[in-house]
N, C-alpha and C. Protein backbone atom coordinates (compact mmCIF):
# COMPACT_ATOMS: atom_id res chain seq x y z
N MET A 1 103.03 63.04 85.23
CA MET A 1 103.99 63.42 84.21
C MET A 1 104.73 64.66 84.70
N LYS A 2 106.04 64.67 84.58
CA LYS A 2 106.84 65.81 84.99
C LYS A 2 106.96 66.80 83.84
N VAL A 3 106.66 68.07 84.17
CA VAL A 3 106.77 69.14 83.18
C VAL A 3 107.54 70.32 83.79
N ILE A 4 108.08 71.15 82.92
CA ILE A 4 108.73 72.39 83.33
C ILE A 4 107.81 73.53 82.91
N LEU A 5 107.42 74.34 83.85
CA LEU A 5 106.53 75.46 83.55
C LEU A 5 107.29 76.59 82.87
N LEU A 6 106.72 77.10 81.78
CA LEU A 6 107.33 78.22 81.06
C LEU A 6 106.71 79.55 81.44
N LYS A 7 105.61 79.50 82.17
CA LYS A 7 104.90 80.68 82.67
C LYS A 7 104.38 80.36 84.06
N ASP A 8 104.03 81.40 84.82
CA ASP A 8 103.38 81.18 86.10
C ASP A 8 101.99 80.62 85.86
N VAL A 9 101.64 79.56 86.58
CA VAL A 9 100.32 78.95 86.47
C VAL A 9 99.73 78.91 87.87
N SER A 10 98.57 79.54 88.04
CA SER A 10 97.96 79.57 89.37
C SER A 10 97.64 78.17 89.85
N LYS A 11 97.86 77.93 91.11
CA LYS A 11 97.64 76.68 91.81
C LYS A 11 98.57 75.54 91.35
N ILE A 12 99.49 75.81 90.42
CA ILE A 12 100.44 74.79 89.98
C ILE A 12 101.86 75.20 90.39
N GLY A 13 102.31 76.35 89.92
CA GLY A 13 103.67 76.77 90.25
C GLY A 13 104.08 77.99 89.45
N LYS A 14 105.33 78.38 89.65
CA LYS A 14 105.89 79.55 89.00
C LYS A 14 106.74 79.13 87.81
N LYS A 15 107.11 80.12 87.01
CA LYS A 15 107.93 79.90 85.84
C LYS A 15 109.22 79.18 86.24
N PHE A 16 109.64 78.22 85.43
CA PHE A 16 110.85 77.39 85.59
C PHE A 16 110.71 76.30 86.65
N ASP A 17 109.57 76.17 87.30
CA ASP A 17 109.39 75.08 88.27
C ASP A 17 109.19 73.75 87.54
N VAL A 18 109.73 72.68 88.13
CA VAL A 18 109.49 71.33 87.63
C VAL A 18 108.39 70.74 88.49
N LYS A 19 107.25 70.41 87.86
CA LYS A 19 106.09 69.94 88.59
C LYS A 19 105.60 68.61 88.04
N ASN A 20 104.99 67.84 88.90
CA ASN A 20 104.37 66.58 88.52
C ASN A 20 102.87 66.84 88.40
N VAL A 21 102.32 66.72 87.18
CA VAL A 21 100.90 66.99 86.95
C VAL A 21 100.27 65.77 86.27
N ALA A 22 98.97 65.77 86.20
CA ALA A 22 98.25 64.67 85.56
C ALA A 22 98.61 64.62 84.07
N ASP A 23 98.68 63.42 83.54
CA ASP A 23 99.06 63.24 82.14
C ASP A 23 98.13 64.01 81.20
N GLY A 24 96.83 63.87 81.42
CA GLY A 24 95.86 64.55 80.56
C GLY A 24 95.99 66.05 80.61
N TYR A 25 96.21 66.60 81.79
CA TYR A 25 96.36 68.04 81.95
C TYR A 25 97.59 68.53 81.18
N ALA A 26 98.68 67.77 81.28
CA ALA A 26 99.91 68.15 80.59
C ALA A 26 99.74 68.02 79.08
N LEU A 27 99.23 66.89 78.61
CA LEU A 27 99.16 66.64 77.17
C LEU A 27 98.07 67.42 76.46
N ASN A 28 96.97 67.72 77.16
CA ASN A 28 95.84 68.38 76.51
C ASN A 28 95.78 69.89 76.76
N PHE A 29 96.48 70.37 77.78
CA PHE A 29 96.38 71.80 78.09
C PHE A 29 97.74 72.49 78.14
N LEU A 30 98.60 72.07 79.05
CA LEU A 30 99.84 72.79 79.29
C LEU A 30 100.79 72.78 78.09
N ILE A 31 101.04 71.63 77.53
CA ILE A 31 102.00 71.52 76.42
C ILE A 31 101.46 72.16 75.13
N PRO A 32 100.20 71.90 74.72
CA PRO A 32 99.71 72.54 73.48
C PRO A 32 99.65 74.07 73.57
N LYS A 33 99.40 74.61 74.74
CA LYS A 33 99.33 76.06 74.90
C LYS A 33 100.69 76.69 75.17
N LYS A 34 101.74 75.87 75.11
CA LYS A 34 103.11 76.30 75.33
C LYS A 34 103.31 76.96 76.70
N ILE A 35 102.61 76.41 77.67
CA ILE A 35 102.76 76.86 79.06
C ILE A 35 103.81 75.99 79.76
N ALA A 36 104.03 74.78 79.23
CA ALA A 36 104.98 73.86 79.83
C ALA A 36 105.61 72.98 78.76
N ILE A 37 106.75 72.37 79.12
CA ILE A 37 107.39 71.40 78.25
C ILE A 37 107.70 70.15 79.10
N LEU A 38 107.92 69.03 78.44
CA LEU A 38 108.27 67.80 79.16
C LEU A 38 109.61 67.98 79.88
N ALA A 39 109.71 67.44 81.06
CA ALA A 39 110.90 67.59 81.88
C ALA A 39 111.90 66.48 81.59
N THR A 40 112.65 66.66 80.50
CA THR A 40 113.74 65.73 80.20
C THR A 40 115.04 66.31 80.79
N LYS A 41 116.08 65.51 80.82
CA LYS A 41 117.36 65.99 81.37
C LYS A 41 117.88 67.19 80.58
N GLU A 42 117.79 67.10 79.25
CA GLU A 42 118.26 68.20 78.40
C GLU A 42 117.43 69.47 78.63
N ALA A 43 116.11 69.30 78.73
CA ALA A 43 115.22 70.45 78.94
C ALA A 43 115.50 71.10 80.29
N ILE A 44 115.73 70.30 81.31
CA ILE A 44 116.00 70.84 82.65
C ILE A 44 117.31 71.64 82.61
N PHE A 45 118.33 71.12 81.92
CA PHE A 45 119.60 71.82 81.81
C PHE A 45 119.42 73.16 81.09
N LYS A 46 118.68 73.16 79.98
CA LYS A 46 118.44 74.40 79.22
C LYS A 46 117.66 75.40 80.06
N ILE A 47 116.66 74.93 80.80
CA ILE A 47 115.84 75.82 81.62
C ILE A 47 116.68 76.44 82.74
N GLU A 48 117.59 75.67 83.34
CA GLU A 48 118.46 76.22 84.38
C GLU A 48 119.32 77.35 83.82
N GLU A 49 119.83 77.17 82.60
CA GLU A 49 120.63 78.23 81.96
C GLU A 49 119.76 79.47 81.69
N SER A 50 118.54 79.24 81.18
CA SER A 50 117.62 80.35 80.90
C SER A 50 117.27 81.08 82.19
N LYS A 51 117.08 80.33 83.26
CA LYS A 51 116.74 80.92 84.55
C LYS A 51 117.87 81.83 85.04
N LYS A 52 119.12 81.37 84.91
CA LYS A 52 120.26 82.17 85.33
C LYS A 52 120.34 83.46 84.52
N LEU A 53 120.15 83.36 83.21
CA LEU A 53 120.19 84.55 82.35
C LEU A 53 119.09 85.54 82.70
N GLU A 54 117.89 85.04 82.94
CA GLU A 54 116.77 85.90 83.27
C GLU A 54 116.99 86.61 84.60
N ILE A 55 117.53 85.91 85.58
CA ILE A 55 117.80 86.53 86.88
C ILE A 55 118.87 87.61 86.74
N ALA A 56 119.92 87.34 85.97
CA ALA A 56 120.98 88.34 85.75
C ALA A 56 120.41 89.57 85.05
N GLU A 57 119.57 89.36 84.04
CA GLU A 57 118.97 90.49 83.32
C GLU A 57 118.07 91.30 84.23
N LYS A 58 117.30 90.63 85.06
CA LYS A 58 116.40 91.32 85.99
C LYS A 58 117.20 92.16 86.98
N ASN A 59 118.33 91.62 87.46
CA ASN A 59 119.18 92.38 88.39
C ASN A 59 119.75 93.63 87.73
N ILE A 60 120.16 93.53 86.47
CA ILE A 60 120.68 94.68 85.75
C ILE A 60 119.59 95.74 85.59
N GLN A 61 118.38 95.31 85.22
CA GLN A 61 117.27 96.25 85.05
C GLN A 61 116.92 96.93 86.37
N THR A 62 116.98 96.19 87.46
CA THR A 62 116.69 96.75 88.79
C THR A 62 117.71 97.82 89.14
N GLU A 63 118.99 97.52 88.94
CA GLU A 63 120.04 98.49 89.25
C GLU A 63 119.89 99.75 88.41
N LEU A 64 119.59 99.58 87.13
CA LEU A 64 119.42 100.73 86.24
C LEU A 64 118.23 101.59 86.66
N LEU A 65 117.12 100.95 87.00
CA LEU A 65 115.96 101.69 87.44
C LEU A 65 116.23 102.45 88.74
N GLU A 66 116.95 101.83 89.68
CA GLU A 66 117.29 102.50 90.93
C GLU A 66 118.18 103.71 90.68
N LYS A 67 119.15 103.61 89.77
CA LYS A 67 119.99 104.76 89.42
C LYS A 67 119.16 105.88 88.83
N ASN A 68 118.24 105.52 87.93
CA ASN A 68 117.38 106.52 87.31
C ASN A 68 116.46 107.19 88.33
N LEU A 69 115.97 106.42 89.30
CA LEU A 69 115.12 107.00 90.35
C LEU A 69 115.92 107.92 91.26
N GLU A 70 117.18 107.59 91.51
CA GLU A 70 118.03 108.50 92.29
C GLU A 70 118.28 109.79 91.52
N THR A 71 118.46 109.69 90.21
CA THR A 71 118.62 110.88 89.38
C THR A 71 117.36 111.73 89.42
N LEU A 72 116.22 111.09 89.35
CA LEU A 72 114.95 111.81 89.43
C LEU A 72 114.80 112.50 90.78
N SER A 73 115.28 111.85 91.85
CA SER A 73 115.18 112.43 93.19
C SER A 73 115.93 113.74 93.30
N SER A 74 117.01 113.87 92.53
CA SER A 74 117.81 115.09 92.62
C SER A 74 117.32 116.18 91.65
N SER A 75 116.32 115.88 90.85
CA SER A 75 115.81 116.87 89.91
C SER A 75 114.41 117.34 90.31
N SER A 76 113.99 118.41 89.65
CA SER A 76 112.66 118.96 89.92
C SER A 76 111.88 119.01 88.62
N ILE A 77 110.66 118.57 88.66
CA ILE A 77 109.79 118.58 87.50
C ILE A 77 108.91 119.83 87.56
N VAL A 78 108.84 120.55 86.44
CA VAL A 78 108.01 121.76 86.39
C VAL A 78 106.81 121.48 85.50
N ILE A 79 105.63 121.75 86.05
CA ILE A 79 104.39 121.55 85.31
C ILE A 79 103.61 122.85 85.35
N LYS A 80 103.06 123.23 84.21
CA LYS A 80 102.27 124.45 84.13
C LYS A 80 100.80 124.11 84.00
N GLY A 81 99.98 124.88 84.68
CA GLY A 81 98.54 124.67 84.63
C GLY A 81 97.78 125.98 84.87
N LYS A 82 96.56 126.01 84.44
CA LYS A 82 95.72 127.20 84.64
C LYS A 82 95.17 127.19 86.06
N SER A 83 95.19 128.37 86.67
CA SER A 83 94.68 128.47 88.05
C SER A 83 93.89 129.75 88.24
N ASN A 84 93.17 129.82 89.35
CA ASN A 84 92.43 131.03 89.67
C ASN A 84 93.33 131.96 90.50
N GLU A 85 92.76 133.06 91.00
CA GLU A 85 93.54 134.05 91.76
C GLU A 85 94.08 133.49 93.07
N LYS A 86 93.42 132.51 93.63
CA LYS A 86 93.83 131.93 94.92
C LYS A 86 94.91 130.86 94.77
N GLY A 87 95.25 130.49 93.54
CA GLY A 87 96.29 129.48 93.32
C GLY A 87 95.75 128.06 93.20
N HIS A 88 94.46 127.91 93.03
CA HIS A 88 93.87 126.58 92.86
C HIS A 88 93.79 126.27 91.36
N LEU A 89 94.24 125.10 90.98
CA LEU A 89 94.21 124.69 89.58
C LEU A 89 92.79 124.34 89.15
N PHE A 90 92.47 124.66 87.90
CA PHE A 90 91.15 124.30 87.37
C PHE A 90 91.07 122.78 87.14
N ALA A 91 92.17 122.18 86.70
CA ALA A 91 92.23 120.74 86.47
C ALA A 91 93.39 120.18 87.29
N GLY A 92 93.12 119.19 88.09
CA GLY A 92 94.16 118.60 88.92
C GLY A 92 95.18 117.83 88.09
N ILE A 93 96.39 117.72 88.61
CA ILE A 93 97.46 116.98 87.95
C ILE A 93 97.49 115.59 88.57
N ASP A 94 97.18 114.59 87.73
CA ASP A 94 97.13 113.22 88.23
C ASP A 94 98.40 112.45 87.85
N LYS A 95 98.43 111.18 88.18
CA LYS A 95 99.61 110.34 87.93
C LYS A 95 99.98 110.28 86.46
N LYS A 96 98.98 110.14 85.59
CA LYS A 96 99.26 110.01 84.16
C LYS A 96 99.92 111.26 83.61
N GLU A 97 99.42 112.42 83.99
CA GLU A 97 100.02 113.67 83.53
C GLU A 97 101.43 113.83 84.10
N LEU A 98 101.61 113.43 85.33
CA LEU A 98 102.92 113.51 85.97
C LEU A 98 103.92 112.57 85.26
N ILE A 99 103.50 111.38 84.91
CA ILE A 99 104.35 110.43 84.20
C ILE A 99 104.74 110.98 82.83
N GLY A 100 103.80 111.63 82.16
CA GLY A 100 104.09 112.25 80.86
C GLY A 100 105.14 113.34 80.98
N GLU A 101 105.05 114.15 82.01
CA GLU A 101 106.04 115.21 82.21
C GLU A 101 107.40 114.64 82.58
N ILE A 102 107.43 113.57 83.36
CA ILE A 102 108.71 112.93 83.72
C ILE A 102 109.36 112.38 82.45
N LYS A 103 108.58 111.76 81.57
CA LYS A 103 109.12 111.25 80.32
C LYS A 103 109.69 112.39 79.47
N LYS A 104 108.96 113.48 79.43
CA LYS A 104 109.37 114.61 78.59
C LYS A 104 110.60 115.31 79.15
N GLN A 105 110.65 115.56 80.45
CA GLN A 105 111.71 116.37 81.04
C GLN A 105 112.94 115.56 81.45
N VAL A 106 112.77 114.35 81.96
CA VAL A 106 113.89 113.56 82.48
C VAL A 106 114.17 112.34 81.60
N ARG A 107 113.27 112.04 80.67
CA ARG A 107 113.38 110.86 79.80
C ARG A 107 113.44 109.56 80.60
N LEU A 108 112.53 109.43 81.53
CA LEU A 108 112.46 108.25 82.37
C LEU A 108 111.02 107.74 82.37
N ASP A 109 110.87 106.46 82.12
CA ASP A 109 109.54 105.84 82.07
C ASP A 109 109.29 105.12 83.39
N ILE A 110 108.31 105.60 84.15
CA ILE A 110 108.00 105.03 85.45
C ILE A 110 106.59 104.42 85.39
N PRO A 111 106.42 103.20 85.88
CA PRO A 111 105.08 102.63 85.95
C PRO A 111 104.19 103.41 86.91
N GLU A 112 102.93 103.50 86.58
CA GLU A 112 101.98 104.30 87.37
C GLU A 112 101.84 103.80 88.79
N ASP A 113 101.93 102.50 89.01
CA ASP A 113 101.72 101.95 90.35
C ASP A 113 102.88 102.25 91.30
N MET A 114 104.00 102.74 90.81
CA MET A 114 105.13 103.07 91.68
C MET A 114 104.95 104.44 92.34
N ILE A 115 104.16 105.31 91.73
CA ILE A 115 103.98 106.66 92.25
C ILE A 115 102.92 106.64 93.34
N GLU A 116 103.25 107.24 94.48
CA GLU A 116 102.33 107.30 95.60
C GLU A 116 101.70 108.69 95.68
N MET A 117 100.47 108.79 95.21
CA MET A 117 99.71 110.03 95.31
C MET A 117 98.31 109.68 95.80
N GLU A 118 97.90 110.30 96.89
CA GLU A 118 96.57 110.02 97.41
C GLU A 118 95.50 110.65 96.55
N ARG A 119 95.79 111.87 96.07
CA ARG A 119 94.85 112.59 95.22
C ARG A 119 95.64 113.48 94.26
N PRO A 120 94.99 113.95 93.20
CA PRO A 120 95.69 114.82 92.25
C PRO A 120 96.15 116.14 92.89
N ILE A 121 97.19 116.72 92.32
CA ILE A 121 97.69 118.02 92.78
C ILE A 121 96.73 119.09 92.27
N LYS A 122 96.25 119.96 93.17
CA LYS A 122 95.27 120.97 92.79
C LYS A 122 95.68 122.38 93.15
N GLU A 123 96.94 122.57 93.55
CA GLU A 123 97.38 123.90 93.93
C GLU A 123 98.73 124.21 93.32
N LEU A 124 98.99 125.50 93.10
CA LEU A 124 100.29 125.94 92.64
C LEU A 124 101.32 125.78 93.75
N GLY A 125 102.61 125.71 93.37
CA GLY A 125 103.66 125.64 94.36
C GLY A 125 104.47 124.36 94.24
N ASP A 126 105.30 124.13 95.27
CA ASP A 126 106.16 122.95 95.30
C ASP A 126 105.46 121.81 96.03
N HIS A 127 105.59 120.62 95.45
CA HIS A 127 104.99 119.42 96.04
C HIS A 127 106.02 118.30 96.02
N LYS A 128 106.01 117.48 97.05
CA LYS A 128 106.90 116.32 97.13
C LYS A 128 106.09 115.08 96.74
N ILE A 129 106.62 114.31 95.81
CA ILE A 129 105.97 113.09 95.34
C ILE A 129 106.85 111.91 95.72
N LYS A 130 106.24 110.87 96.26
CA LYS A 130 107.00 109.69 96.68
C LYS A 130 106.85 108.58 95.65
N ILE A 131 107.95 107.85 95.47
CA ILE A 131 107.96 106.69 94.59
C ILE A 131 108.49 105.53 95.42
N SER A 132 107.79 104.40 95.37
CA SER A 132 108.28 103.23 96.07
C SER A 132 108.56 102.13 95.05
N TYR A 133 109.74 101.54 95.22
CA TYR A 133 110.15 100.46 94.32
C TYR A 133 110.95 99.43 95.10
N ASP A 134 110.47 98.22 95.12
CA ASP A 134 111.19 97.11 95.75
C ASP A 134 111.59 97.45 97.19
N LYS A 135 110.62 97.90 97.98
CA LYS A 135 110.78 98.25 99.39
C LYS A 135 111.71 99.44 99.61
N LYS A 136 112.04 100.18 98.55
CA LYS A 136 112.84 101.40 98.68
C LYS A 136 111.97 102.58 98.34
N LYS A 137 112.23 103.68 99.04
CA LYS A 137 111.44 104.90 98.84
C LYS A 137 112.32 105.97 98.21
N PHE A 138 111.78 106.65 97.22
CA PHE A 138 112.43 107.78 96.59
C PHE A 138 111.45 108.94 96.62
N GLU A 139 111.98 110.14 96.56
CA GLU A 139 111.12 111.33 96.60
C GLU A 139 111.68 112.37 95.64
N PHE A 140 110.80 113.01 94.89
CA PHE A 140 111.22 114.09 94.02
C PHE A 140 110.23 115.23 94.15
N SER A 141 110.65 116.41 93.66
CA SER A 141 109.79 117.58 93.82
C SER A 141 109.15 117.95 92.49
N VAL A 142 107.94 118.44 92.59
CA VAL A 142 107.18 118.91 91.44
C VAL A 142 106.82 120.36 91.72
N LYS A 143 107.16 121.23 90.79
CA LYS A 143 106.81 122.64 90.93
C LYS A 143 105.69 122.93 89.93
N VAL A 144 104.54 123.36 90.45
CA VAL A 144 103.40 123.67 89.62
C VAL A 144 103.34 125.19 89.48
N GLU A 145 103.37 125.65 88.22
CA GLU A 145 103.35 127.09 87.93
C GLU A 145 102.11 127.43 87.12
N ASN A 146 101.72 128.67 87.21
CA ASN A 146 100.56 129.17 86.45
C ASN A 146 100.99 129.44 85.00
N ILE A 147 100.09 129.19 84.08
CA ILE A 147 100.39 129.43 82.66
C ILE A 147 100.42 130.91 82.39
């Protein structure tokens, strides 16, 4: 039975693919769970239109995110933390805290997996943080000051 996948299904295919699957699998699992629909001519036409719209929307979101990351690259984030006399922070600044400060200061929401930090920041001063997105690298500076 030919079906159009509405979601990615492991070992079957990706969203919008037209696949030939067993009748029982389609009728008892894929279609009732709204993972797939029957592949009629009308359904294939509608899915092609949906696919085009989704690709266009994804491209717009990608361009917007890249512009925002370039804006972030030209700005500096200031974070305050308690430290000792030698300039070592009592609590390290991790990705989650950094994302919170970016939201607050630049109004930009960045997924945690895009930020490249080997370990939390534990010292006062200027630090360079790298962001990778879609095989592109961005870098911004973080200035850690004592409270």
